[in-house]
Protein backbone atom coordinates (compact mmCIF):
# COMPACT_ATOMS: atom_id res chain seq x y z
CA MET A 1 98.48 49.45 9.49
CA MET A 2 96.62 52.68 9.96
CA LYS A 3 94.56 52.24 6.82
CA PHE A 4 92.60 49.16 8.27
CA LYS A 5 91.29 50.93 11.37
CA PRO A 6 88.07 52.24 9.72
CA LEU A 7 86.97 48.61 8.97
CA LEU A 8 87.07 47.42 12.57
CA PRO A 9 83.63 48.76 13.58
CA TYR A 10 82.03 47.00 10.61
CA ALA A 11 83.69 43.74 11.42
CA PHE A 12 82.52 43.99 15.00
CA VAL A 13 78.89 44.56 13.88
CA ALA A 14 79.08 41.62 11.49
CA VAL A 15 80.34 39.31 14.20
CA LEU A 16 77.63 40.54 16.55
CA LEU A 17 74.92 39.86 13.93
CA LEU A 18 76.27 36.38 13.33
CA LEU A 19 76.13 35.69 17.05
CA ILE A 20 72.53 36.90 17.25
CA VAL A 21 71.46 34.82 14.24
CA GLY A 22 73.19 31.80 15.70
CA VAL A 23 71.47 32.23 19.03
CA LEU A 24 68.03 32.66 17.38
CA GLY A 25 68.62 29.70 15.06
CA GLY A 26 69.66 27.49 17.94
CA THR A 27 66.65 28.53 19.97
CA LYS A 28 64.27 27.78 17.08
CA ALA A 29 65.95 24.43 16.47
CA LEU A 30 65.48 23.53 20.11
CA GLN A 31 61.79 24.52 19.86
CA ILE A 32 61.29 22.35 16.75
CA VAL A 33 62.95 19.38 18.39
CA ALA A 34 60.73 19.87 21.45
CA MET A 35 57.61 20.01 19.27
CA ILE A 36 58.62 16.84 17.42
CA GLU A 37 59.21 15.03 20.70
CA ALA A 38 55.85 16.28 22.03
CA GLY A 39 54.11 15.16 18.83
CA GLU A 40 55.67 11.70 19.07
CA ALA A 41 54.56 11.46 22.68
CA MET A 42 50.96 12.57 21.84
CA PRO A 43 48.50 9.66 21.35
CA GLU A 44 47.22 9.00 17.80
CA PRO A 45 43.79 10.61 17.10
CA PHE A 46 40.83 8.25 16.67
CA GLU A 47 37.04 8.27 16.34
CA THR A 48 34.57 6.03 18.13
CA VAL A 49 32.09 4.40 15.74
CA GLY A 50 29.51 1.65 15.55
CA THR A 51 29.90 -1.12 13.00
CA HIS A 52 28.02 -3.97 11.37
CA GLN A 53 29.16 -6.89 9.26
CA ALA A 54 27.74 -7.18 5.74
CA ARG A 55 26.06 -10.52 5.12
CA GLU A 56 24.30 -12.39 2.38
CA ASP A 57 20.57 -13.01 2.50
CA GLN A 58 17.72 -14.17 0.29
CA TRP A 59 15.21 -11.39 -0.32
CA GLU A 60 11.90 -12.07 -1.97
CA ARG A 61 11.42 -10.50 -5.37
CA THR A 62 8.42 -8.25 -5.70
CA VAL A 63 6.75 -6.23 -8.43
CA ARG A 64 5.16 -2.99 -7.27
CA ALA A 65 2.18 -1.13 -8.66
CA ILE A 66 -0.57 1.30 -7.74
CA GLY A 67 -4.12 -0.02 -7.42
CA SER A 68 -7.68 0.85 -6.49
CA VAL A 69 -10.00 -1.01 -4.12
CA THR A 70 -13.33 -2.31 -5.42
CA ALA A 71 -16.05 -4.26 -3.64
CA ILE A 72 -16.64 -7.89 -4.58
CA ARG A 73 -20.33 -7.11 -4.22
CA GLY A 74 -21.34 -3.48 -4.32
CA VAL A 75 -24.22 -1.56 -5.85
CA THR A 76 -26.04 1.73 -5.70
CA LEU A 77 -29.70 0.86 -5.16
CA ALA A 78 -32.25 2.82 -7.20
CA VAL A 79 -36.03 2.82 -7.72
CA GLU A 80 -37.43 1.06 -10.79
CA THR A 81 -40.58 3.15 -11.18
CA ALA A 82 -41.88 6.63 -10.40
CA GLY A 83 -43.65 7.40 -7.14
CA ILE A 84 -43.71 9.22 -3.82
CA VAL A 85 -41.60 7.93 -0.93
CA ARG A 86 -43.97 6.66 1.79
CA GLU A 87 -41.55 4.66 3.98
CA ILE A 88 -37.78 4.60 4.61
CA GLY A 89 -36.71 1.52 6.53
CA PHE A 90 -32.99 2.03 7.14
CA GLU A 91 -30.45 4.25 8.84
CA PRO A 92 -27.36 5.42 6.95
CA GLY A 93 -24.16 3.51 7.69
CA THR A 94 -25.85 0.46 9.23
CA ARG A 95 -25.50 -3.19 8.27
CA VAL A 96 -28.48 -4.93 6.69
CA SER A 97 -29.32 -8.50 5.70
CA ALA A 98 -30.37 -9.72 2.29
CA GLY A 99 -34.09 -9.09 1.69
CA ALA A 100 -34.40 -6.22 4.18
CA VAL A 101 -36.94 -3.60 3.02
CA LEU A 102 -35.15 -0.28 2.61
CA LEU A 103 -37.75 1.93 0.91
CA ARG A 104 -41.39 1.83 -0.22
CA LEU A 105 -43.09 4.08 -2.74
CA ASP A 106 -46.77 4.96 -2.62
CA ALA A 107 -48.71 1.97 -4.05
CA GLU A 108 -52.29 2.63 -2.89
CA LEU A 109 -53.70 2.57 -6.42
CA GLU A 110 -51.93 -0.67 -7.30
CA GLU A 111 -53.03 -2.27 -4.03
CA ALA A 112 -56.66 -1.35 -4.73
CA ASP A 113 -56.39 -2.78 -8.22
CA LEU A 114 -54.78 -5.88 -6.74
CA ALA A 115 -57.73 -6.44 -4.40
CA SER A 116 -60.11 -6.16 -7.34
CA ALA A 117 -57.98 -8.51 -9.43
CA ARG A 118 -57.87 -11.10 -6.68
CA ALA A 119 -61.65 -10.97 -6.41
CA SER A 120 -61.95 -11.45 -10.15
CA ALA A 121 -59.52 -14.36 -9.98
CA GLU A 122 -61.57 -16.00 -7.23
CA LEU A 123 -64.74 -15.62 -9.29
CA ALA A 124 -62.99 -17.09 -12.33
CA ARG A 125 -61.88 -20.05 -10.22
CA LEU A 126 -65.46 -20.71 -9.06
CA ASN A 127 -66.75 -20.44 -12.64
CA LEU A 128 -64.12 -22.96 -13.73
CA ASP A 129 -65.19 -25.40 -11.01
CA ARG A 130 -68.85 -25.15 -12.12
CA ALA A 131 -67.87 -25.50 -15.78
CA ARG A 132 -65.98 -28.72 -14.97
CA GLU A 133 -68.99 -30.15 -13.10
CA LEU A 134 -71.32 -29.28 -15.98
CA TYR A 135 -68.89 -30.72 -18.51
CA GLN A 136 -68.70 -34.01 -16.60
CA THR A 137 -72.54 -34.30 -16.64
CA ARG A 138 -72.66 -33.39 -20.34
CA SER A 139 -74.52 -30.15 -19.47
CA ALA A 140 -71.79 -27.87 -20.89
CA SER A 141 -69.62 -28.05 -23.95
CA ARG A 142 -65.85 -28.31 -24.13
CA ALA A 143 -65.78 -24.73 -25.42
CA ASP A 144 -67.44 -23.50 -22.22
CA LEU A 145 -64.80 -25.29 -20.13
CA ASP A 146 -61.96 -23.84 -22.21
CA THR A 147 -63.44 -20.34 -21.85
CA ALA A 148 -63.61 -20.71 -18.06
CA GLU A 149 -60.00 -21.93 -17.89
CA ALA A 150 -58.80 -19.01 -20.02
CA SER A 151 -60.70 -16.54 -17.85
CA LEU A 152 -58.99 -17.89 -14.71
CA LYS A 153 -55.55 -17.65 -16.31
CA GLN A 154 -56.21 -14.05 -17.36
CA ALA A 155 -57.34 -13.16 -13.84
CA GLU A 156 -54.30 -14.80 -12.26
CA ALA A 157 -52.02 -13.02 -14.73
CA ARG A 158 -53.62 -9.73 -13.77
CA VAL A 159 -52.96 -10.50 -10.10
CA ALA A 160 -49.33 -11.40 -10.82
CA ALA A 161 -48.81 -8.20 -12.83
CA LEU A 162 -50.16 -6.02 -10.03
CA GLU A 163 -48.06 -7.85 -7.42
CA ALA A 164 -44.96 -7.28 -9.58
CA ALA A 165 -45.85 -3.58 -9.92
CA ILE A 166 -46.10 -3.29 -6.13
CA ARG A 167 -42.76 -5.11 -5.68
CA ARG A 168 -41.13 -2.67 -8.10
CA LYS A 169 -42.15 0.12 -5.73
CA THR A 170 -40.25 -1.59 -2.91
CA VAL A 171 -36.43 -1.39 -2.66
CA THR A 172 -34.83 -4.33 -0.81
CA ALA A 173 -31.23 -5.31 -0.03
CA PRO A 174 -30.01 -7.91 -2.58
CA PHE A 175 -27.25 -9.16 -0.23
CA ASP A 176 -25.76 -8.63 3.22
CA GLY A 177 -23.71 -5.47 3.50
CA ARG A 178 -23.20 -1.98 4.85
CA LEU A 179 -25.32 0.94 3.71
CA GLY A 180 -23.96 4.32 2.74
CA ILE A 181 -25.49 7.79 2.88
CA ARG A 182 -29.23 8.12 2.27
CA ARG A 183 -29.93 10.14 -0.87
CA VAL A 184 -33.73 10.49 -0.66
CA ASN A 185 -36.20 11.92 1.82
CA LEU A 186 -39.65 10.93 2.98
CA GLY A 187 -42.37 12.37 0.75
CA ALA A 188 -40.07 13.06 -2.20
CA TYR A 189 -41.24 12.21 -5.71
CA LEU A 190 -38.75 9.89 -7.41
CA THR A 191 -38.35 9.11 -11.08
CA PRO A 192 -37.13 5.73 -12.39
CA GLY A 193 -33.40 5.28 -11.75
CA THR A 194 -33.18 7.74 -8.86
CA PRO A 195 -30.36 6.49 -6.54
CA VAL A 196 -31.45 5.68 -3.01
CA VAL A 197 -28.37 4.39 -1.12
CA SER A 198 -25.09 2.56 -1.70
CA LEU A 199 -24.78 -1.02 -0.44
CA GLN A 200 -21.33 -2.60 -0.14
CA ALA A 201 -20.25 -6.03 1.12
CA LEU A 202 -16.88 -5.27 2.76
CA GLU A 203 -15.88 -8.56 4.40
CA ALA A 204 -13.64 -9.13 1.39
CA VAL A 205 -12.56 -6.72 -1.35
CA GLN A 206 -10.78 -6.74 -4.67
CA VAL A 207 -7.89 -4.56 -5.83
CA ASP A 208 -7.55 -3.64 -9.50
CA PHE A 209 -4.09 -2.68 -10.77
CA SER A 210 -1.90 -2.95 -13.85
CA LEU A 211 1.70 -3.90 -14.63
CA PRO A 212 3.93 -3.29 -17.68
CA GLN A 213 3.78 -6.02 -20.29
CA GLN A 214 7.37 -7.16 -19.61
CA ASN A 215 6.11 -8.75 -16.37
CA LEU A 216 3.71 -11.03 -18.24
CA ASP A 217 5.93 -14.13 -18.13
CA ARG A 218 6.55 -13.77 -14.37
CA ILE A 219 2.96 -13.28 -13.19
CA ARG A 220 0.63 -16.18 -12.43
CA GLU A 221 -2.74 -16.54 -10.73
CA GLY A 222 -2.48 -17.56 -7.08
CA MET A 223 0.60 -15.45 -6.29
CA THR A 224 0.69 -13.64 -2.96
CA VAL A 225 -0.24 -9.96 -3.11
CA ARG A 226 0.40 -7.44 -0.33
CA ILE A 227 -1.57 -4.23 -0.01
CA ARG A 228 -0.60 -1.07 1.89
CA THR A 229 -2.54 2.17 2.25
CA ASP A 230 -1.81 5.49 3.92
CA ALA A 231 -5.17 5.20 5.69
CA SER A 232 -3.68 2.31 7.75
CA PRO A 233 0.10 2.82 7.50
CA ASP A 234 0.91 0.15 10.11
CA ARG A 235 -1.14 -2.62 8.47
CA VAL A 236 -0.25 -4.94 5.62
CA PHE A 237 -3.18 -6.71 3.95
CA GLU A 238 -2.40 -9.98 2.20
CA GLY A 239 -4.38 -11.71 -0.51
CA ARG A 240 -4.07 -13.68 -3.73
CA LEU A 241 -3.87 -12.77 -7.38
CA THR A 242 -7.19 -14.05 -8.74
CA ALA A 243 -7.58 -12.69 -12.27
CA LEU A 244 -5.47 -11.53 -15.23
CA ASP A 245 -6.89 -9.94 -18.33
CA PRO A 246 -6.16 -12.09 -21.40
CA ASP A 247 -5.27 -9.03 -23.48
CA VAL A 248 -2.80 -6.16 -23.07
CA ASP A 249 -3.94 -2.55 -23.29
CA PRO A 250 -2.87 -1.35 -26.77
CA VAL A 251 -2.37 2.23 -25.54
CA SER A 252 -0.43 1.80 -22.29
CA ARG A 253 0.99 -1.67 -23.13
CA SER A 254 0.04 -2.79 -19.63
CA LEU A 255 -1.66 -5.86 -18.24
CA SER A 256 -4.72 -5.49 -15.99
CA LEU A 257 -4.83 -7.68 -12.88
CA GLN A 258 -7.12 -8.23 -9.92
CA ALA A 259 -6.35 -9.45 -6.39
CA THR A 260 -8.82 -10.64 -3.77
CA LEU A 261 -8.20 -10.31 -0.04
CA GLU A 262 -9.94 -10.37 3.30
CA ASN A 263 -10.83 -7.02 4.84
CA PRO A 264 -10.71 -7.32 8.65
CA GLY A 265 -12.30 -4.37 10.36
CA GLU A 266 -13.52 -3.09 6.98
CA LEU A 267 -10.46 -0.84 6.81
CA LEU A 268 -10.30 -1.02 3.02
CA ARG A 269 -13.11 0.83 1.28
CA PRO A 270 -14.06 0.85 -2.42
CA GLY A 271 -12.31 3.61 -4.33
CA MET A 272 -9.27 3.79 -2.02
CA PHE A 273 -5.80 4.30 -3.48
CA VAL A 274 -3.42 1.50 -2.41
CA GLN A 275 0.15 0.32 -2.98
CA VAL A 276 0.40 -3.20 -4.38
CA GLU A 277 3.26 -5.72 -4.14
CA VAL A 278 3.13 -8.98 -6.08
CA VAL A 279 5.51 -11.51 -4.51
CA LEU A 280 7.43 -13.51 -7.12
CA PRO A 281 8.34 -17.14 -6.31
CA GLU A 282 12.14 -16.89 -6.86
CA PRO A 283 14.12 -15.16 -4.04
CA GLU A 284 16.98 -12.77 -4.85
CA PRO A 285 20.45 -13.22 -3.26
CA VAL A 286 21.72 -9.90 -1.87
CA VAL A 287 24.51 -8.44 0.26
CA MET A 288 22.82 -6.28 2.86
CA ILE A 289 23.99 -3.64 5.33
CA PRO A 290 22.15 -1.20 7.60
CA ALA A 291 20.83 1.81 5.70
CA THR A 292 22.58 4.14 8.21
CA ALA A 293 25.95 3.03 6.79
CA VAL A 294 25.30 4.69 3.41
CA LEU A 295 26.44 8.28 2.93
CA ARG A 296 24.28 9.91 0.27
CA ALA A 297 25.88 12.55 -1.97
CA PRO A 298 25.21 14.08 -5.39
CA TYR A 299 28.34 12.45 -6.82
CA GLY A 300 27.41 8.98 -5.57
CA ASP A 301 26.72 6.83 -2.52
CA SER A 302 29.61 5.70 -0.35
CA ILE A 303 30.38 3.78 2.82
CA PHE A 304 33.32 3.49 5.21
CA VAL A 305 34.78 0.00 5.46
CA VAL A 306 36.83 -1.04 8.49
CA GLU A 307 40.31 -2.28 7.44
CA LYS A 308 43.36 -3.38 9.43
CA ARG A 309 46.72 -1.58 9.30
CA ALA A 310 50.05 -3.35 9.40
CA ASP A 311 50.09 -2.91 13.17
CA GLY A 312 46.58 -4.40 13.44
CA ALA A 313 44.82 -1.15 14.29
CA PRO A 314 41.40 -0.65 12.60
CA VAL A 315 41.19 2.28 10.19
CA ALA A 316 38.47 3.76 7.97
CA ARG A 317 38.54 3.39 4.20
CA GLN A 318 35.91 5.16 2.09
CA ARG A 319 34.40 3.15 -0.76
CA PHE A 320 31.80 4.05 -3.38
CA VAL A 321 28.99 1.54 -3.77
CA ARG A 322 25.82 0.98 -5.74
CA VAL A 323 22.76 0.33 -3.59
CA GLY A 324 19.56 -1.49 -4.51
CA ARG A 325 16.31 -2.15 -2.71
CA THR A 326 15.51 -1.25 0.88
CA ARG A 327 13.90 -3.64 3.32
CA GLY A 328 13.25 -2.59 6.89
CA ASP A 329 16.43 -1.12 8.37
CA PHE A 330 18.62 -2.69 5.67
CA VAL A 331 19.65 -1.80 2.13
CA SER A 332 21.08 -4.14 -0.47
CA VAL A 333 24.44 -3.38 -2.08
CA THR A 334 24.70 -4.50 -5.69
CA ASP A 335 28.30 -3.39 -6.31
CA GLY A 336 31.34 -2.36 -4.26
CA LEU A 337 31.03 -4.58 -1.18
CA ARG A 338 31.54 -8.25 -0.31
CA SER A 339 29.81 -10.34 2.29
CA GLY A 340 31.75 -10.50 5.55
CA GLU A 341 33.27 -7.01 5.34
CA THR A 342 32.64 -4.67 8.25
CA VAL A 343 31.10 -1.26 7.61
CA VAL A 344 30.66 1.79 9.82
CA THR A 345 26.99 2.34 10.69
CA SER A 346 27.19 5.24 13.15
CA GLY A 347 29.60 8.16 13.17
CA ALA A 348 30.59 7.79 9.52
CA PHE A 349 30.00 11.48 8.78
CA LYS A 350 33.08 12.50 10.81
CA LEU A 351 35.51 10.04 9.24
CA ARG A 352 38.27 10.34 6.65
CA ASN A 353 40.54 7.83 5.00
CA ASP A 354 43.12 6.10 7.23
CA LEU A 355 41.65 7.54 10.43
CA ARG A 356 42.07 5.09 13.30
CA LEU A 357 38.82 3.76 14.72
CA GLU A 358 37.61 2.82 18.16
CA ILE A 359 34.71 0.37 17.75
CA ASN A 360 31.92 0.49 20.31
CA ASN A 361 28.59 -1.20 19.51
CA ASP A 362 27.13 -1.06 23.00
CA GLN A 363 24.76 1.83 22.23
CA VAL A 364 24.07 0.98 18.57
CA PRO A 365 20.48 -0.29 18.02
CA GLU A 366 20.20 -3.66 16.31
CA PRO A 367 18.83 -3.23 12.76
CA ARG A 368 15.89 -5.43 11.74
CA LEU A 369 14.30 -6.54 8.51
CA ASP A 370 10.85 -5.97 9.98
CA PRO A 371 11.20 -3.04 12.40
CA ARG A 372 8.29 -2.42 14.71
CA PRO A 373 8.82 0.76 16.73
CA GLU A 374 7.06 0.65 20.07
CA GLU A 375 5.40 4.02 19.45
CA ALA A 376 4.33 3.22 15.87
């Protein structure tokens, strides 16, 4: 029995360690059970979001292009003959009527010659009257009468030529319109063809643009055309397609077109860059959702769809989609979504799959196809 006494201290230590481990293990088990019970008692996490139901709609089909504004009637007025500017009868930027005298060149020499020519014409007319009287009394021959008639015609032609020369030294407005910047000064010597001022009729304008040849079978005269420009970003100008070139450009393989539209307020000016939309007659069926529902990412666009769990609670489910055209606050979805499904429109950035949702649309603005912000 004496040989087992040295083992007793070791046995005592082993028992003590087992007791300590048991106590620690029991304590930890109780803590885990308490945590599980607390977790079960904790409410399920959720996120509050705004939603919108996808719906079908008929969107008009359009073909877009870039165009340039031209005046239906526009010209840069120039002098036809050389001379010194003696009179300027307009102010830059003003409206003028057809026939208004805008500029006169010095015509003193022509006017003096005209007075002499008129006197010669009057004398030739008197000589013709006397020749007719003498011819009727057989006191003059037929040759004398013919000579008098020819002399009168020559004198009248001389008068007409001088009057035309004087008119060529006068620049008048060929139609009603608005003048541009004056390019000449009083007393300046002008050569033939020197530009004087631009005159543009701006009540209506034309827009020239081109489309790829594959649109040829869809484009017809009379179609509605909408024009937008960054000079008037809140305005949409509407007109009609009035002309199509019969041939296609052999270099660009594009078709040249022209639209005509009213120009209220003369906001469109010749030479302006504009965005053109040709409205096609057949509408396009689309499934549309608010653009705020789409999460853009390099790997693709996605949305969160609201689905129901087995217990009826709404949860988020991410879905990749293919989006199409944008109209107002909406975007069309060409693949990945059906009409009638509900999508998250606000708060989607903080969601993950299967996260429970709390839907609150009280503070969500109503999207519109034709938004008009009050401060626009």
